[in-house]
Amino acid sequence: MAFHTWSSIGVAAVFAEALNGHSIAFAYHSGKIENENITYHDTREIFEHDGVTSYTGDLRTLFEIRNAKDANELFPRHTQPSAALFFLKKSANMPASI
């Protein structure tokens, strides 16, 4: 219901941008648990530009970040807008420790 209200007043792009910011942070923190070589900068670069520049690390790290991006792109297609809004609201209460 709330998503439809946002859409009707033309701020769906704002919602998408907020969800994207959350997705980058989530992918970074999730990946960092399993791979200490993952950086926020590399994660953001892959999410926003689909690649990295001047990277000299292990390719496994890039594949892990790319897989997180691919999984993230499936999320909106397979959930109801209300579910996406729920996760976004929950993430707003999380501390931003990047």
N, C-alpha and C. Protein backbone atom coordinates (compact mmCIF):
# COMPACT_ATOMS: atom_id res chain seq x y z
N MET A 1 0.83 -1.19 0.00
CA MET A 1 0.00 0.00 0.00
C MET A 1 0.87 1.25 0.00
N ALA A 2 1.87 1.28 0.87
CA ALA A 2 2.74 2.46 0.93
C ALA A 2 3.51 2.65 -0.37
N PHE A 3 3.93 1.54 -1.00
CA PHE A 3 4.67 1.66 -2.24
C PHE A 3 3.81 2.29 -3.32
N HIS A 4 2.54 1.90 -3.38
CA HIS A 4 1.64 2.47 -4.39
C HIS A 4 1.47 3.96 -4.16
N THR A 5 1.43 4.39 -2.92
CA THR A 5 1.33 5.81 -2.61
C THR A 5 2.57 6.53 -3.11
N TRP A 6 3.76 5.96 -2.85
CA TRP A 6 5.00 6.57 -3.32
C TRP A 6 4.98 6.66 -4.84
N SER A 7 4.56 5.57 -5.50
CA SER A 7 4.54 5.56 -6.95
C SER A 7 3.59 6.61 -7.50
N SER A 8 2.45 6.76 -6.85
CA SER A 8 1.45 7.68 -7.37
C SER A 8 1.90 9.13 -7.27
N ILE A 9 2.81 9.44 -6.36
CA ILE A 9 3.28 10.82 -6.27
C ILE A 9 4.63 11.01 -6.95
N GLY A 10 5.07 9.99 -7.68
CA GLY A 10 6.25 10.13 -8.52
C GLY A 10 7.58 9.98 -7.84
N VAL A 11 7.67 9.28 -6.74
CA VAL A 11 8.96 9.13 -6.07
C VAL A 11 9.43 7.67 -6.07
N ALA A 12 8.96 6.90 -7.04
CA ALA A 12 9.41 5.51 -7.15
C ALA A 12 10.92 5.45 -7.36
N ALA A 13 11.47 6.45 -8.06
CA ALA A 13 12.92 6.48 -8.28
C ALA A 13 13.67 6.68 -6.96
N VAL A 14 13.10 7.47 -6.07
CA VAL A 14 13.71 7.69 -4.76
C VAL A 14 13.71 6.38 -3.97
N PHE A 15 12.61 5.65 -4.05
CA PHE A 15 12.52 4.35 -3.38
C PHE A 15 13.56 3.39 -3.95
N ALA A 16 13.69 3.34 -5.27
CA ALA A 16 14.66 2.45 -5.90
C ALA A 16 16.08 2.81 -5.49
N GLU A 17 16.39 4.09 -5.41
CA GLU A 17 17.73 4.53 -5.02
C GLU A 17 18.02 4.15 -3.56
N ALA A 18 17.03 4.32 -2.70
CA ALA A 18 17.21 3.96 -1.29
C ALA A 18 17.42 2.46 -1.14
N LEU A 19 16.65 1.69 -1.90
CA LEU A 19 16.79 0.24 -1.84
C LEU A 19 18.16 -0.18 -2.38
N ASN A 20 18.63 0.50 -3.41
CA ASN A 20 19.95 0.20 -3.97
C ASN A 20 21.06 0.48 -2.95
N GLY A 21 20.96 1.60 -2.24
CA GLY A 21 21.95 1.92 -1.21
C GLY A 21 21.98 0.86 -0.12
N HIS A 22 20.82 0.39 0.26
CA HIS A 22 20.75 -0.68 1.26
C HIS A 22 21.37 -1.96 0.71
N SER A 23 21.10 -2.25 -0.54
CA SER A 23 21.60 -3.48 -1.14
C SER A 23 23.12 -3.52 -1.18
N ILE A 24 23.73 -2.38 -1.49
CA ILE A 24 25.19 -2.31 -1.52
C ILE A 24 25.76 -2.57 -0.13
N ALA A 25 25.19 -1.91 0.87
CA ALA A 25 25.67 -2.10 2.25
C ALA A 25 25.45 -3.54 2.71
N PHE A 26 24.29 -4.10 2.38
CA PHE A 26 24.01 -5.48 2.77
C PHE A 26 24.99 -6.44 2.12
N ALA A 27 25.24 -6.27 0.82
CA ALA A 27 26.16 -7.15 0.11
C ALA A 27 27.57 -7.03 0.68
N TYR A 28 27.97 -5.80 1.00
CA TYR A 28 29.31 -5.59 1.57
C TYR A 28 29.44 -6.32 2.91
N HIS A 29 28.50 -6.07 3.82
CA HIS A 29 28.60 -6.67 5.16
C HIS A 29 28.48 -8.19 5.10
N SER A 30 27.60 -8.68 4.25
CA SER A 30 27.43 -10.12 4.11
C SER A 30 28.70 -10.76 3.55
N GLY A 31 29.26 -10.14 2.53
CA GLY A 31 30.48 -10.68 1.93
C GLY A 31 31.68 -10.58 2.85
N LYS A 32 31.75 -9.51 3.62
CA LYS A 32 32.88 -9.28 4.52
C LYS A 32 32.97 -10.37 5.60
N ILE A 33 31.82 -10.93 5.97
CA ILE A 33 31.80 -12.01 6.97
C ILE A 33 32.60 -13.21 6.46
N GLU A 34 32.47 -13.51 5.17
CA GLU A 34 33.11 -14.70 4.62
C GLU A 34 34.45 -14.43 3.95
N ASN A 35 34.67 -13.18 3.52
CA ASN A 35 35.89 -12.88 2.78
C ASN A 35 36.43 -11.52 3.23
N GLU A 36 37.51 -11.53 3.95
CA GLU A 36 38.05 -10.28 4.50
C GLU A 36 38.60 -9.34 3.43
N ASN A 37 38.76 -9.83 2.21
CA ASN A 37 39.31 -8.98 1.15
C ASN A 37 38.26 -8.10 0.47
N ILE A 38 37.00 -8.32 0.76
CA ILE A 38 35.94 -7.51 0.16
C ILE A 38 35.96 -6.12 0.78
N THR A 39 35.92 -5.11 -0.08
CA THR A 39 35.89 -3.72 0.40
C THR A 39 34.57 -3.07 -0.02
N TYR A 40 34.18 -2.06 0.73
CA TYR A 40 32.96 -1.33 0.39
C TYR A 40 33.12 -0.66 -0.97
N HIS A 41 34.29 -0.10 -1.23
CA HIS A 41 34.54 0.59 -2.49
C HIS A 41 34.35 -0.35 -3.68
N ASP A 42 34.94 -1.56 -3.62
CA ASP A 42 34.79 -2.52 -4.71
C ASP A 42 33.34 -2.96 -4.86
N THR A 43 32.66 -3.19 -3.74
CA THR A 43 31.25 -3.59 -3.80
C THR A 43 30.41 -2.52 -4.47
N ARG A 44 30.61 -1.28 -4.06
CA ARG A 44 29.83 -0.19 -4.64
C ARG A 44 30.13 -0.02 -6.13
N GLU A 45 31.40 -0.15 -6.49
CA GLU A 45 31.78 0.00 -7.89
C GLU A 45 31.13 -1.07 -8.77
N ILE A 46 31.09 -2.30 -8.29
CA ILE A 46 30.46 -3.38 -9.05
C ILE A 46 28.95 -3.15 -9.15
N PHE A 47 28.32 -2.74 -8.06
CA PHE A 47 26.88 -2.50 -8.10
C PHE A 47 26.52 -1.33 -9.01
N GLU A 48 27.31 -0.28 -8.98
CA GLU A 48 26.96 0.92 -9.74
C GLU A 48 27.50 0.94 -11.16
N HIS A 49 28.68 0.32 -11.39
CA HIS A 49 29.31 0.41 -12.71
C HIS A 49 29.55 -0.95 -13.36
N ASP A 50 29.16 -2.02 -12.69
CA ASP A 50 29.30 -3.38 -13.20
C ASP A 50 30.75 -3.78 -13.44
N GLY A 51 31.66 -3.21 -12.70
CA GLY A 51 33.07 -3.57 -12.81
C GLY A 51 33.91 -2.74 -11.85
N VAL A 52 35.19 -3.04 -11.79
CA VAL A 52 36.10 -2.29 -10.93
C VAL A 52 37.28 -1.78 -11.75
N THR A 53 37.91 -0.75 -11.24
CA THR A 53 39.11 -0.22 -11.89
C THR A 53 40.30 -0.41 -10.97
N SER A 54 41.43 -0.63 -11.55
CA SER A 54 42.70 -0.82 -10.84
C SER A 54 42.60 -1.81 -9.69
N TYR A 55 42.00 -2.96 -9.95
CA TYR A 55 41.87 -4.01 -8.94
C TYR A 55 43.02 -4.99 -9.09
N THR A 56 43.68 -5.33 -8.00
CA THR A 56 44.81 -6.25 -8.06
C THR A 56 44.63 -7.47 -7.17
N GLY A 57 43.45 -7.65 -6.61
CA GLY A 57 43.22 -8.74 -5.67
C GLY A 57 42.80 -10.03 -6.33
N ASP A 58 42.30 -10.94 -5.52
CA ASP A 58 41.87 -12.26 -5.94
C ASP A 58 40.56 -12.17 -6.73
N LEU A 59 40.48 -12.88 -7.84
CA LEU A 59 39.27 -12.85 -8.66
C LEU A 59 38.06 -13.44 -7.92
N ARG A 60 38.32 -14.34 -6.98
CA ARG A 60 37.22 -14.93 -6.21
C ARG A 60 36.40 -13.84 -5.52
N THR A 61 37.08 -12.82 -5.03
CA THR A 61 36.40 -11.71 -4.36
C THR A 61 35.45 -11.01 -5.31
N LEU A 62 35.89 -10.76 -6.53
CA LEU A 62 35.02 -10.10 -7.51
C LEU A 62 33.82 -10.96 -7.87
N PHE A 63 34.04 -12.27 -8.00
CA PHE A 63 32.93 -13.17 -8.30
C PHE A 63 31.91 -13.19 -7.17
N GLU A 64 32.38 -13.15 -5.94
CA GLU A 64 31.46 -13.14 -4.79
C GLU A 64 30.61 -11.87 -4.78
N ILE A 65 31.24 -10.73 -5.07
CA ILE A 65 30.49 -9.48 -5.10
C ILE A 65 29.51 -9.49 -6.27
N ARG A 66 29.95 -9.96 -7.41
CA ARG A 66 29.08 -10.01 -8.59
C ARG A 66 27.89 -10.93 -8.34
N ASN A 67 28.10 -12.06 -7.70
CA ASN A 67 27.00 -12.97 -7.37
C ASN A 67 26.00 -12.30 -6.43
N ALA A 68 26.50 -11.50 -5.49
CA ALA A 68 25.60 -10.76 -4.59
C ALA A 68 24.77 -9.76 -5.39
N LYS A 69 25.39 -9.12 -6.37
CA LYS A 69 24.66 -8.16 -7.21
C LYS A 69 23.58 -8.89 -8.01
N ASP A 70 23.92 -10.03 -8.59
CA ASP A 70 22.94 -10.79 -9.36
C ASP A 70 21.76 -11.23 -8.48
N ALA A 71 22.06 -11.68 -7.28
CA ALA A 71 21.00 -12.09 -6.36
C ALA A 71 20.14 -10.89 -5.98
N ASN A 72 20.77 -9.75 -5.79
CA ASN A 72 20.04 -8.54 -5.44
C ASN A 72 19.09 -8.11 -6.56
N GLU A 73 19.49 -8.30 -7.80
CA GLU A 73 18.65 -7.91 -8.92
C GLU A 73 17.42 -8.80 -9.04
N LEU A 74 17.48 -10.01 -8.50
CA LEU A 74 16.32 -10.90 -8.51
C LEU A 74 15.32 -10.54 -7.42
N PHE A 75 15.77 -9.89 -6.36
CA PHE A 75 14.93 -9.59 -5.21
C PHE A 75 13.65 -8.82 -5.56
N PRO A 76 13.72 -7.68 -6.25
CA PRO A 76 12.48 -6.94 -6.53
C PRO A 76 11.53 -7.68 -7.45
N ARG A 77 12.05 -8.52 -8.34
CA ARG A 77 11.19 -9.24 -9.27
C ARG A 77 10.37 -10.34 -8.60
N HIS A 78 10.89 -10.85 -7.49
CA HIS A 78 10.25 -12.00 -6.86
C HIS A 78 9.64 -11.69 -5.49
N THR A 79 9.48 -10.43 -5.19
CA THR A 79 8.84 -10.06 -3.93
C THR A 79 7.76 -9.02 -4.21
N GLN A 80 6.85 -8.92 -3.32
CA GLN A 80 5.82 -7.89 -3.40
C GLN A 80 6.44 -6.56 -3.00
N PRO A 81 5.96 -5.45 -3.55
CA PRO A 81 6.51 -4.14 -3.16
C PRO A 81 6.45 -3.91 -1.66
N SER A 82 5.42 -4.42 -0.99
CA SER A 82 5.32 -4.22 0.45
C SER A 82 6.44 -4.94 1.19
N ALA A 83 6.88 -6.08 0.67
CA ALA A 83 7.99 -6.80 1.30
C ALA A 83 9.29 -6.02 1.14
N ALA A 84 9.51 -5.44 -0.03
CA ALA A 84 10.72 -4.64 -0.25
C ALA A 84 10.70 -3.43 0.68
N LEU A 85 9.55 -2.81 0.86
CA LEU A 85 9.44 -1.66 1.75
C LEU A 85 9.71 -2.07 3.19
N PHE A 86 9.24 -3.24 3.59
CA PHE A 86 9.48 -3.75 4.94
C PHE A 86 10.98 -3.87 5.21
N PHE A 87 11.71 -4.50 4.28
CA PHE A 87 13.16 -4.67 4.46
C PHE A 87 13.88 -3.33 4.46
N LEU A 88 13.41 -2.40 3.64
CA LEU A 88 14.03 -1.09 3.61
C LEU A 88 13.83 -0.37 4.94
N LYS A 89 12.63 -0.45 5.50
CA LYS A 89 12.37 0.19 6.80
C LYS A 89 13.21 -0.45 7.89
N LYS A 90 13.35 -1.77 7.86
CA LYS A 90 14.17 -2.47 8.85
C LYS A 90 15.63 -2.03 8.74
N SER A 91 16.11 -1.84 7.52
CA SER A 91 17.51 -1.47 7.34
C SER A 91 17.77 -0.06 7.84
N ALA A 92 16.76 0.78 7.86
CA ALA A 92 16.94 2.14 8.33
C ALA A 92 17.28 2.15 9.82
N ASN A 93 16.90 1.10 10.52
CA ASN A 93 17.20 1.01 11.96
C ASN A 93 18.56 0.39 12.24
N MET A 94 19.23 -0.09 11.19
CA MET A 94 20.54 -0.70 11.36
C MET A 94 21.61 0.37 11.44
N PRO A 95 22.62 0.18 12.27
CA PRO A 95 23.71 1.17 12.32
C PRO A 95 24.53 1.14 11.04
N ALA A 96 24.93 2.29 10.59
CA ALA A 96 25.75 2.38 9.37
C ALA A 96 27.22 2.35 9.77
N SER A 97 27.79 1.17 9.80
CA SER A 97 29.19 1.01 10.22
C SER A 97 30.03 0.57 9.05
N ILE A 98 30.25 1.47 8.12
CA ILE A 98 31.03 1.14 6.93
C ILE A 98 32.38 1.77 7.04
